[in-house]
C-alpha atoms as a PDB file:
ATOM      1  CA  MET A   1      18.677   1.600 -28.332  1.00  0.00           C
ATOM      2  CA  LYS A   2      17.561   4.472 -26.003  1.00  0.00           C
ATOM      3  CA  GLN A   3      14.005   4.177 -27.440  1.00  0.00           C
ATOM      4  CA  ASN A   4      13.786   0.550 -26.636  1.00  0.00           C
ATOM      5  CA  ARG A   5      15.144   1.190 -23.126  1.00  0.00           C
ATOM      6  CA  LEU A   6      12.508   3.853 -22.733  1.00  0.00           C
ATOM      7  CA  LEU A   7       9.707   1.590 -23.853  1.00  0.00           C
ATOM      8  CA  LYS A   8      10.920  -1.096 -21.478  1.00  0.00           C
ATOM      9  CA  HIS A   9      10.777   1.301 -18.580  1.00  0.00           C
ATOM     10  CA  LEU A  10       7.426   2.657 -19.540  1.00  0.00           C
ATOM     11  CA  TYR A  11       6.097  -0.897 -19.728  1.00  0.00           C
ATOM     12  CA  LEU A  12       7.464  -1.790 -16.319  1.00  0.00           C
ATOM     13  CA  ALA A  13       6.019   1.438 -14.842  1.00  0.00           C
ATOM     14  CA  ILE A  14       2.624   0.715 -16.244  1.00  0.00           C
ATOM     15  CA  ALA A  15       2.754  -2.965 -15.060  1.00  0.00           C
ATOM     16  CA  SER A  16       3.782  -1.688 -11.461  1.00  0.00           C
ATOM     17  CA  LEU A  17       0.852   0.565 -11.396  1.00  0.00           C
ATOM     18  CA  VAL A  18      -1.466  -2.187 -12.399  1.00  0.00           C
ATOM     19  CA  MET A  19      -0.074  -4.430  -9.692  1.00  0.00           C
ATOM     20  CA  LEU A  20      -0.133  -1.738  -7.080  1.00  0.00           C
ATOM     21  CA  TYR A  21      -3.568  -0.389  -7.943  1.00  0.00           C
ATOM     22  CA  PRO A  22      -5.466  -2.750  -5.443  1.00  0.00           C
ATOM     23  CA  LEU A  23      -3.139  -1.604  -2.652  1.00  0.00           C
ATOM     24  CA  LEU A  24      -3.549   2.064  -3.581  1.00  0.00           C
ATOM     25  CA  TRP A  25      -7.340   1.588  -3.812  1.00  0.00           C
ATOM     26  CA  MET A  26      -7.453   0.125  -0.430  1.00  0.00           C
ATOM     27  CA  LEU A  27      -5.287   2.979   0.978  1.00  0.00           C
ATOM     28  CA  SER A  28      -7.654   5.496  -0.622  1.00  0.00           C
ATOM     29  CA  SER A  29     -10.793   3.694   0.562  1.00  0.00           C
ATOM     30  CA  SER A  30      -9.480   3.682   4.254  1.00  0.00           C
ATOM     31  CA  PHE A  31      -9.919   7.499   3.985  1.00  0.00           C
ATOM     32  CA  LYS A  32     -13.448   7.394   2.608  1.00  0.00           C
ATOM     33  CA  PRO A  33     -16.800   7.331   4.322  1.00  0.00           C
ATOM     34  CA  GLU A  34     -18.560   4.028   4.404  1.00  0.00           C
ATOM     35  CA  SER A  35     -21.233   5.229   1.992  1.00  0.00           C
ATOM     36  CA  ILE A  36     -19.008   6.088  -0.850  1.00  0.00           C
ATOM     37  CA  ILE A  37     -16.438   3.375  -0.778  1.00  0.00           C
ATOM     38  CA  PHE A  38     -17.916   1.302  -3.619  1.00  0.00           C
ATOM     39  CA  ASN A  39     -19.369   4.249  -5.396  1.00  0.00           C
ATOM     40  CA  ASP A  40     -16.245   6.252  -5.706  1.00  0.00           C
ATOM     41  CA  LEU A  41     -13.623   3.979  -7.328  1.00  0.00           C
ATOM     42  CA  SER A  42     -11.061   6.868  -7.862  1.00  0.00           C
ATOM     43  CA  LEU A  43      -7.726   6.757  -6.145  1.00  0.00           C
ATOM     44  CA  TRP A  44      -8.364  10.287  -4.738  1.00  0.00           C
ATOM     45  CA  PRO A  45     -11.306  10.341  -2.398  1.00  0.00           C
ATOM     46  CA  SER A  46     -14.135  12.895  -3.152  1.00  0.00           C
ATOM     47  CA  GLN A  47     -14.699  13.031   0.596  1.00  0.00           C
ATOM     48  CA  PHE A  48     -11.980  12.576   3.265  1.00  0.00           C
ATOM     49  CA  THR A  49     -12.290  11.201   6.833  1.00  0.00           C
ATOM     50  CA  PHE A  50      -9.930   9.974   9.215  1.00  0.00           C
ATOM     51  CA  GLU A  51     -12.485   8.371  11.411  1.00  0.00           C
ATOM     52  CA  ASN A  52     -11.874   4.885  10.101  1.00  0.00           C
ATOM     53  CA  TYR A  53      -8.548   4.472  11.768  1.00  0.00           C
ATOM     54  CA  PRO A  54      -9.519   5.383  15.392  1.00  0.00           C
ATOM     55  CA  ASN A  55     -12.810   3.608  14.969  1.00  0.00           C
ATOM     56  CA  GLY A  56     -11.291   0.538  13.414  1.00  0.00           C
ATOM     57  CA  TRP A  57      -8.762   0.527  16.239  1.00  0.00           C
ATOM     58  CA  GLN A  58     -11.487   0.230  18.882  1.00  0.00           C
ATOM     59  CA  ALA A  59     -14.057  -1.473  16.829  1.00  0.00           C
ATOM     60  CA  LEU A  60     -13.808  -4.934  18.444  1.00  0.00           C
ATOM     61  CA  ARG A  61     -14.087  -5.854  22.052  1.00  0.00           C
ATOM     62  CA  ILE A  62     -10.486  -5.328  22.763  1.00  0.00           C
ATOM     63  CA  ASP A  63      -7.927  -2.750  21.589  1.00  0.00           C
ATOM     64  CA  PHE A  64      -6.371  -3.630  18.228  1.00  0.00           C
ATOM     65  CA  SER A  65      -2.921  -3.470  19.765  1.00  0.00           C
ATOM     66  CA  ILE A  66      -3.438  -6.751  21.443  1.00  0.00           C
ATOM     67  CA  PHE A  67      -3.712  -8.333  18.039  1.00  0.00           C
ATOM     68  CA  TYR A  68      -0.535  -6.634  17.008  1.00  0.00           C
ATOM     69  CA  LYS A  69       1.256  -8.114  20.077  1.00  0.00           C
ATOM     70  CA  ASN A  70      -0.065 -11.543  19.404  1.00  0.00           C
ATOM     71  CA  SER A  71       1.050 -11.608  15.867  1.00  0.00           C
ATOM     72  CA  ALA A  72       4.443 -10.151  16.849  1.00  0.00           C
ATOM     73  CA  ILE A  73       4.940 -12.952  19.284  1.00  0.00           C
ATOM     74  CA  VAL A  74       4.110 -15.699  16.871  1.00  0.00           C
ATOM     75  CA  ALA A  75       6.117 -14.065  13.986  1.00  0.00           C
ATOM     76  CA  VAL A  76       9.357 -13.316  15.996  1.00  0.00           C
ATOM     77  CA  PHE A  77       9.483 -16.692  17.587  1.00  0.00           C
ATOM     78  CA  SER A  78       8.728 -18.332  14.239  1.00  0.00           C
ATOM     79  CA  VAL A  79      11.586 -16.476  12.577  1.00  0.00           C
ATOM     80  CA  ILE A  80      14.003 -17.408  15.280  1.00  0.00           C
ATOM     81  CA  GLY A  81      12.905 -21.031  15.173  1.00  0.00           C
ATOM     82  CA  ASN A  82      13.174 -21.232  11.309  1.00  0.00           C
ATOM     83  CA  LEU A  83      16.585 -19.693  11.351  1.00  0.00           C
ATOM     84  CA  ILE A  84      17.990 -21.857  14.063  1.00  0.00           C
ATOM     85  CA  SER A  85      16.562 -25.344  13.015  1.00  0.00           C
ATOM     86  CA  CYS A  86      16.711 -24.945   9.324  1.00  0.00           C
ATOM     87  CA  ALA A  87      20.387 -23.550   9.410  1.00  0.00           C
ATOM     88  CA  PHE A  88      21.571 -26.507  11.529  1.00  0.00           C
ATOM     89  CA  THR A  89      19.773 -28.931   9.127  1.00  0.00           C
ATOM     90  CA  ALA A  90      20.995 -27.322   6.076  1.00  0.00           C
ATOM     91  CA  TYR A  91      24.526 -27.282   7.533  1.00  0.00           C
ATOM     92  CA  ALA A  92      24.364 -31.024   8.106  1.00  0.00           C
ATOM     93  CA  PHE A  93      23.062 -31.674   4.526  1.00  0.00           C
ATOM     94  CA  ALA A  94      25.597 -29.271   2.804  1.00  0.00           C
ATOM     95  CA  ARG A  95      28.769 -29.755   4.791  1.00  0.00           C
ATOM     96  CA  LEU A  96      28.745 -33.158   6.752  1.00  0.00           C
ATOM     97  CA  GLU A  97      28.783 -36.633   5.808  1.00  0.00           C
ATOM     98  CA  PHE A  98      26.485 -39.156   7.336  1.00  0.00           C
ATOM     99  CA  ASN A  99      24.743 -42.407   6.241  1.00  0.00           C
ATOM    100  CA  PHE A 100      21.831 -42.243   3.897  1.00  0.00           C
ATOM    101  CA  LYS A 101      22.212 -38.535   3.429  1.00  0.00           C
ATOM    102  CA  ARG A 102      20.780 -38.440  -0.213  1.00  0.00           C
ATOM    103  CA  PHE A 103      17.802 -40.444   0.931  1.00  0.00           C
ATOM    104  CA  TRP A 104      17.124 -38.162   3.860  1.00  0.00           C
ATOM    105  CA  PHE A 105      17.600 -35.030   1.849  1.00  0.00           C
ATOM    106  CA  ALA A 106      15.148 -36.510  -0.862  1.00  0.00           C
ATOM    107  CA  LEU A 107      12.681 -37.207   1.767  1.00  0.00           C
ATOM    108  CA  MET A 108      12.824 -33.769   3.084  1.00  0.00           C
ATOM    109  CA  MET A 109      12.292 -32.334  -0.288  1.00  0.00           C
ATOM    110  CA  MET A 110       9.170 -34.516  -0.882  1.00  0.00           C
ATOM    111  CA  THR A 111       7.584 -32.781   2.063  1.00  0.00           C
ATOM    112  CA  LEU A 112       7.438 -29.595  -0.233  1.00  0.00           C
ATOM    113  CA  MET A 113       4.897 -31.479  -2.342  1.00  0.00           C
ATOM    114  CA  LEU A 114       2.623 -32.247   0.426  1.00  0.00           C
ATOM    115  CA  PRO A 115      -0.306 -29.716   0.893  1.00  0.00           C
ATOM    116  CA  TYR A 116      -0.646 -28.466   4.310  1.00  0.00           C
ATOM    117  CA  HIS A 117      -4.396 -29.901   4.523  1.00  0.00           C
ATOM    118  CA  VAL A 118      -2.876 -33.388   4.283  1.00  0.00           C
ATOM    119  CA  VAL A 119      -1.112 -33.173   7.690  1.00  0.00           C
ATOM    120  CA  LEU A 120      -3.657 -30.834   9.321  1.00  0.00           C
ATOM    121  CA  ILE A 121      -5.924 -33.483  10.874  1.00  0.00           C
ATOM    122  CA  PRO A 122      -3.007 -35.655  12.361  1.00  0.00           C
ATOM    123  CA  GLN A 123      -1.328 -32.523  13.739  1.00  0.00           C
ATOM    124  CA  TYR A 124      -4.500 -31.060  15.194  1.00  0.00           C
ATOM    125  CA  ILE A 125      -5.019 -34.469  16.964  1.00  0.00           C
ATOM    126  CA  LEU A 126      -1.501 -34.483  18.318  1.00  0.00           C
ATOM    127  CA  PHE A 127      -1.747 -30.882  19.626  1.00  0.00           C
ATOM    128  CA  LEU A 128      -5.154 -31.542  21.032  1.00  0.00           C
ATOM    129  CA  LYS A 129      -3.823 -34.456  23.019  1.00  0.00           C
ATOM    130  CA  LEU A 130      -0.786 -32.426  24.222  1.00  0.00           C
ATOM    131  CA  GLY A 131      -3.341 -29.626  25.393  1.00  0.00           C
ATOM    132  CA  TRP A 132      -1.879 -27.047  23.070  1.00  0.00           C
ATOM    133  CA  VAL A 133      -5.128 -26.047  21.246  1.00  0.00           C
ATOM    134  CA  ASN A 134      -5.991 -22.445  21.845  1.00  0.00           C
ATOM    135  CA  THR A 135      -2.255 -21.599  22.563  1.00  0.00           C
ATOM    136  CA  TYR A 136       0.568 -20.283  20.374  1.00  0.00           C
ATOM    137  CA  TYR A 137       2.563 -23.646  20.669  1.00  0.00           C
ATOM    138  CA  PRO A 138       1.017 -25.280  17.634  1.00  0.00           C
ATOM    139  CA  LEU A 139       2.079 -22.228  15.681  1.00  0.00           C
ATOM    140  CA  ILE A 140       5.643 -21.775  17.175  1.00  0.00           C
ATOM    141  CA  VAL A 141       7.074 -25.157  18.321  1.00  0.00           C
ATOM    142  CA  PRO A 142       7.160 -26.865  14.882  1.00  0.00           C
ATOM    143  CA  LYS A 143       9.338 -23.853  13.589  1.00  0.00           C
ATOM    144  CA  PHE A 144      12.051 -25.121  15.986  1.00  0.00           C
ATOM    145  CA  LEU A 145      11.846 -28.637  14.442  1.00  0.00           C
ATOM    146  CA  ALA A 146      12.917 -27.651  11.013  1.00  0.00           C
ATOM    147  CA  GLN A 147       9.607 -28.155   9.324  1.00  0.00           C
ATOM    148  CA  GLU A 148      10.090 -25.653   6.764  1.00  0.00           C
ATOM    149  CA  ALA A 149      11.821 -27.567   3.830  1.00  0.00           C
ATOM    150  CA  PHE A 150      11.868 -24.411   1.639  1.00  0.00           C
ATOM    151  CA  PHE A 151      14.316 -22.566   3.886  1.00  0.00           C
ATOM    152  CA  ILE A 152      16.376 -25.679   4.371  1.00  0.00           C
ATOM    153  CA  PHE A 153      16.756 -26.076   0.693  1.00  0.00           C
ATOM    154  CA  LEU A 154      17.525 -22.408   0.224  1.00  0.00           C
ATOM    155  CA  MET A 155      20.295 -22.481   2.953  1.00  0.00           C
ATOM    156  CA  VAL A 156      21.625 -25.788   1.496  1.00  0.00           C
ATOM    157  CA  GLN A 157      22.197 -24.230  -1.803  1.00  0.00           C
ATOM    158  CA  PHE A 158      23.804 -21.199  -0.237  1.00  0.00           C
ATOM    159  CA  PHE A 159      26.141 -23.234   2.033  1.00  0.00           C
ATOM    160  CA  LYS A 160      27.328 -25.325  -0.892  1.00  0.00           C
ATOM    161  CA  GLN A 161      28.653 -22.285  -2.705  1.00  0.00           C
ATOM    162  CA  LEU A 162      30.992 -21.423   0.209  1.00  0.00           C
ATOM    163  CA  PRO A 163      34.600 -22.970  -0.410  1.00  0.00           C
ATOM    164  CA  ARG A 164      35.322 -26.067   1.514  1.00  0.00           C
ATOM    165  CA  GLU A 165      38.858 -24.962   1.981  1.00  0.00           C
ATOM    166  CA  LEU A 166      37.582 -22.729   4.766  1.00  0.00           C
ATOM    167  CA  ASP A 167      36.302 -25.828   6.745  1.00  0.00           C
ATOM    168  CA  GLU A 168      39.561 -27.641   6.066  1.00  0.00           C
ATOM    169  CA  SER A 169      41.690 -24.833   7.170  1.00  0.00           C
ATOM    170  CA  ALA A 170      39.529 -24.370  10.332  1.00  0.00           C
ATOM    171  CA  MET A 171      39.722 -28.289  11.106  1.00  0.00           C
ATOM    172  CA  MET A 172      43.566 -28.022  10.796  1.00  0.00           C
ATOM    173  CA  ASP A 173      43.501 -25.323  13.342  1.00  0.00           C
ATOM    174  CA  GLY A 174      41.445 -27.604  15.666  1.00  0.00           C
ATOM    175  CA  CYS A 175      37.972 -26.002  15.272  1.00  0.00           C
ATOM    176  CA  SER A 176      34.952 -28.353  15.905  1.00  0.00           C
ATOM    177  CA  VAL A 177      32.058 -28.710  13.540  1.00  0.00           C
ATOM    178  CA  PHE A 178      29.959 -26.405  15.825  1.00  0.00           C
ATOM    179  CA  ARG A 179      32.605 -23.716  15.951  1.00  0.00           C
ATOM    180  CA  ILE A 180      33.071 -23.872  12.049  1.00  0.00           C
ATOM    181  CA  PHE A 181      29.365 -23.322  11.788  1.00  0.00           C
ATOM    182  CA  PHE A 182      29.141 -20.310  14.117  1.00  0.00           C
ATOM    183  CA  LYS A 183      32.443 -18.607  13.210  1.00  0.00           C
ATOM    184  CA  ILE A 184      32.634 -19.298   9.516  1.00  0.00           C
ATOM    185  CA  ILE A 185      29.420 -20.398   7.981  1.00  0.00           C
ATOM    186  CA  VAL A 186      27.009 -18.119   9.763  1.00  0.00           C
ATOM    187  CA  PRO A 187      28.987 -14.826   9.102  1.00  0.00           C
ATOM    188  CA  LEU A 188      29.334 -15.668   5.473  1.00  0.00           C
ATOM    189  CA  SER A 189      25.593 -16.690   5.109  1.00  0.00           C
ATOM    190  CA  ILE A 190      23.922 -13.355   6.153  1.00  0.00           C
ATOM    191  CA  PRO A 191      22.253 -12.990   2.789  1.00  0.00           C
ATOM    192  CA  ALA A 192      20.597 -16.523   3.135  1.00  0.00           C
ATOM    193  CA  PHE A 193      19.545 -15.812   6.748  1.00  0.00           C
ATOM    194  CA  GLY A 194      18.142 -12.458   5.688  1.00  0.00           C
ATOM    195  CA  THR A 195      16.224 -13.915   2.912  1.00  0.00           C
ATOM    196  CA  ALA A 196      14.717 -16.592   5.105  1.00  0.00           C
ATOM    197  CA  ALA A 197      13.899 -14.206   7.848  1.00  0.00           C
ATOM    198  CA  ILE A 198      12.072 -12.079   5.380  1.00  0.00           C
ATOM    199  CA  PHE A 199       9.938 -14.824   4.026  1.00  0.00           C
ATOM    200  CA  SER A 200       9.395 -16.436   7.453  1.00  0.00           C
ATOM    201  CA  PHE A 201       8.075 -13.202   8.959  1.00  0.00           C
ATOM    202  CA  TYR A 202       5.790 -12.456   6.101  1.00  0.00           C
ATOM    203  CA  TRP A 203       4.396 -15.903   5.817  1.00  0.00           C
ATOM    204  CA  THR A 204       3.759 -15.948   9.518  1.00  0.00           C
ATOM    205  CA  TRP A 205       2.477 -12.418   9.930  1.00  0.00           C
ATOM    206  CA  GLU A 206      -0.048 -13.022   7.033  1.00  0.00           C
ATOM    207  CA  ASP A 207      -0.998 -16.650   8.107  1.00  0.00           C
ATOM    208  CA  PHE A 208      -4.761 -16.870   8.479  1.00  0.00           C
ATOM    209  CA  PHE A 209      -5.446 -20.698   8.388  1.00  0.00           C
ATOM    210  CA  GLY A 210      -3.124 -21.766  11.172  1.00  0.00           C
ATOM    211  CA  PRO A 211      -4.545 -19.347  13.778  1.00  0.00           C
ATOM    212  CA  LEU A 212      -8.078 -20.081  12.559  1.00  0.00           C
ATOM    213  CA  ILE A 213      -7.611 -23.732  13.421  1.00  0.00           C
ATOM    214  CA  TYR A 214      -5.823 -23.492  16.690  1.00  0.00           C
ATOM    215  CA  LEU A 215      -6.936 -20.129  18.300  1.00  0.00           C
ATOM    216  CA  ASN A 216     -10.442 -19.802  19.837  1.00  0.00           C
ATOM    217  CA  ASP A 217     -10.449 -16.783  22.162  1.00  0.00           C
ATOM    218  CA  ILE A 218     -10.489 -13.400  20.664  1.00  0.00           C
ATOM    219  CA  GLU A 219      -7.904 -12.140  23.176  1.00  0.00           C
ATOM    220  CA  LYS A 220      -5.380 -14.532  21.452  1.00  0.00           C
ATOM    221  CA  TYR A 221      -6.258 -13.727  17.995  1.00  0.00           C
ATOM    222  CA  THR A 222      -3.593 -12.602  15.406  1.00  0.00           C
ATOM    223  CA  VAL A 223      -3.968  -9.750  13.015  1.00  0.00           C
ATOM    224  CA  PRO A 224      -5.456 -11.649  10.150  1.00  0.00           C
ATOM    225  CA  LEU A 225      -8.088 -13.219  12.408  1.00  0.00           C
ATOM    226  CA  ALA A 226      -8.960  -9.923  13.819  1.00  0.00           C
ATOM    227  CA  LEU A 227      -9.352  -8.430  10.335  1.00  0.00           C
ATOM    228  CA  ARG A 228     -11.810 -11.349   9.718  1.00  0.00           C
ATOM    229  CA  ALA A 229     -13.664 -10.370  12.830  1.00  0.00           C
ATOM    230  CA  PHE A 230     -14.909  -7.063  11.067  1.00  0.00           C
ATOM    231  CA  VAL A 231     -17.313  -9.210   9.185  1.00  0.00           C
ATOM    232  CA  SER A 232     -19.910 -10.081  11.594  1.00  0.00           C
ATOM    233  CA  ALA A 233     -22.118 -13.140  11.671  1.00  0.00           C
ATOM    234  CA  GLU A 234     -25.001 -11.041  10.419  1.00  0.00           C
ATOM    235  CA  ASP A 235     -23.048 -10.164   7.305  1.00  0.00           C
ATOM    236  CA  LEU A 236     -22.668  -6.603   8.469  1.00  0.00           C
ATOM    237  CA  SER A 237     -19.179  -5.487   7.144  1.00  0.00           C
ATOM    238  CA  PHE A 238     -17.314  -2.411   8.379  1.00  0.00           C
ATOM    239  CA  TYR A 239     -15.366  -1.911   5.162  1.00  0.00           C
ATOM    240  CA  GLY A 240     -13.721   1.474   5.982  1.00  0.00           C
ATOM    241  CA  GLU A 241     -12.482   0.307   9.329  1.00  0.00           C
ATOM    242  CA  SER A 242     -11.345  -3.039   7.923  1.00  0.00           C
ATOM    243  CA  PHE A 243      -9.386  -1.282   5.052  1.00  0.00           C
ATOM    244  CA  ALA A 244      -7.813   1.058   7.512  1.00  0.00           C
ATOM    245  CA  MET A 245      -6.603  -1.769   9.884  1.00  0.00           C
ATOM    246  CA  SER A 246      -5.472  -3.770   6.751  1.00  0.00           C
ATOM    247  CA  ILE A 247      -3.192  -0.794   5.888  1.00  0.00           C
ATOM    248  CA  LEU A 248      -1.862  -0.732   9.226  1.00  0.00           C
ATOM    249  CA  SER A 249      -1.212  -4.414   9.337  1.00  0.00           C
ATOM    250  CA  LEU A 250       1.085  -4.073   6.224  1.00  0.00           C
ATOM    251  CA  ILE A 251       3.491  -1.522   8.142  1.00  0.00           C
ATOM    252  CA  PRO A 252       5.403  -4.241  10.333  1.00  0.00           C
ATOM    253  CA  VAL A 253       6.098  -6.301   7.130  1.00  0.00           C
ATOM    254  CA  PHE A 254       7.393  -3.226   5.246  1.00  0.00           C
ATOM    255  CA  ILE A 255       9.637  -2.230   8.200  1.00  0.00           C
ATOM    256  CA  PHE A 256      10.879  -5.814   8.694  1.00  0.00           C
ATOM    257  CA  PHE A 257      11.766  -6.081   4.967  1.00  0.00           C
ATOM    258  CA  ILE A 258      13.665  -2.749   4.949  1.00  0.00           C
ATOM    259  CA  ILE A 259      15.704  -3.765   8.052  1.00  0.00           C
ATOM    260  CA  PHE A 260      16.601  -7.241   6.589  1.00  0.00           C
ATOM    261  CA  GLN A 261      17.147  -5.922   3.165  1.00  0.00           C
ATOM    262  CA  ARG A 262      19.883  -3.870   4.497  1.00  0.00           C
ATOM    263  CA  PHE A 263      21.493  -6.975   6.138  1.00  0.00           C
ATOM    264  CA  ILE A 264      21.233  -8.732   2.931  1.00  0.00           C
ATOM    265  CA  ILE A 265      23.135  -6.086   1.001  1.00  0.00           C
ATOM    266  CA  HIS A 266      25.712  -5.769   3.872  1.00  0.00           C
ATOM    267  CA  GLY A 267      26.205  -9.566   3.767  1.00  0.00           C
ATOM    268  CA  ILE A 268      26.848  -9.682   0.049  1.00  0.00           C
ATOM    269  CA  ALA A 269      29.276  -6.741   0.390  1.00  0.00           C
ATOM    270  CA  MET A 270      31.048  -8.050   3.390  1.00  0.00           C
ATOM    271  CA  SER A 271      31.345 -11.808   2.617  1.00  0.00           C
ATOM    272  CA  GLY A 272      34.719 -11.398   1.089  1.00  0.00           C
ATOM    273  CA  ILE A 273      34.245 -14.412  -1.168  1.00  0.00           C
ATOM    274  CA  LYS A 274      36.056 -14.073  -4.573  1.00  0.00           C
ATOM    275  CA  GLY A 275      36.401 -16.339  -7.465  1.00  0.00           C
END
């Protein structure tokens, strides 16, 4: 029994190393001189240099901190918009009764099967006529309109697990629908909100296609677009600086995950729901 457990842990450790190897190699390459990056494939550089980080930070026409600020603006507002709009929509589907609820829920779920490229042209025409191209509005405003069906479905499934007796008791005490949502549903749904926040932040921070379509000025670029700018039109690539900035771009994602992972664990421990 112990031998089987040891073999399982050994297998998981090896599989983890295989999956982490590209990240570890990129981290190692960020400390290598440009001339040996693709000649030295080891995880421990034969030559160390720290110049890739300051050089990469100043490699483009503007400071790289501007790109961090732009990505932070888009990501934070996207998280807020997704949590607010998707939570209200999920609450209506999970706890309220209205006409054609099943039809609207099915229609909402069908949007999960629509590729983003299908609606890209109509959305671009709409935002162009609104004068929103080359602004952050196309990247932020739709998040406040509950466009992410995945988060709605996630919250619907969580809200349905909460005992309906809580709603009934609150209604008997004179609570309105909105008060039930804010005083009962939200405090008990911290794990769902934390999970949605993590995915929303990660997908927005790493999004390349959306900013590529709507942003034109380099001063408004997000981090993924800035990383793409390290490859010039003349195919001159600055891999050392690019790898260094790629490593730094992962830090906000890790920090955000660690913070909200704590909220998820706290929400599960403090929910107080027992069978």
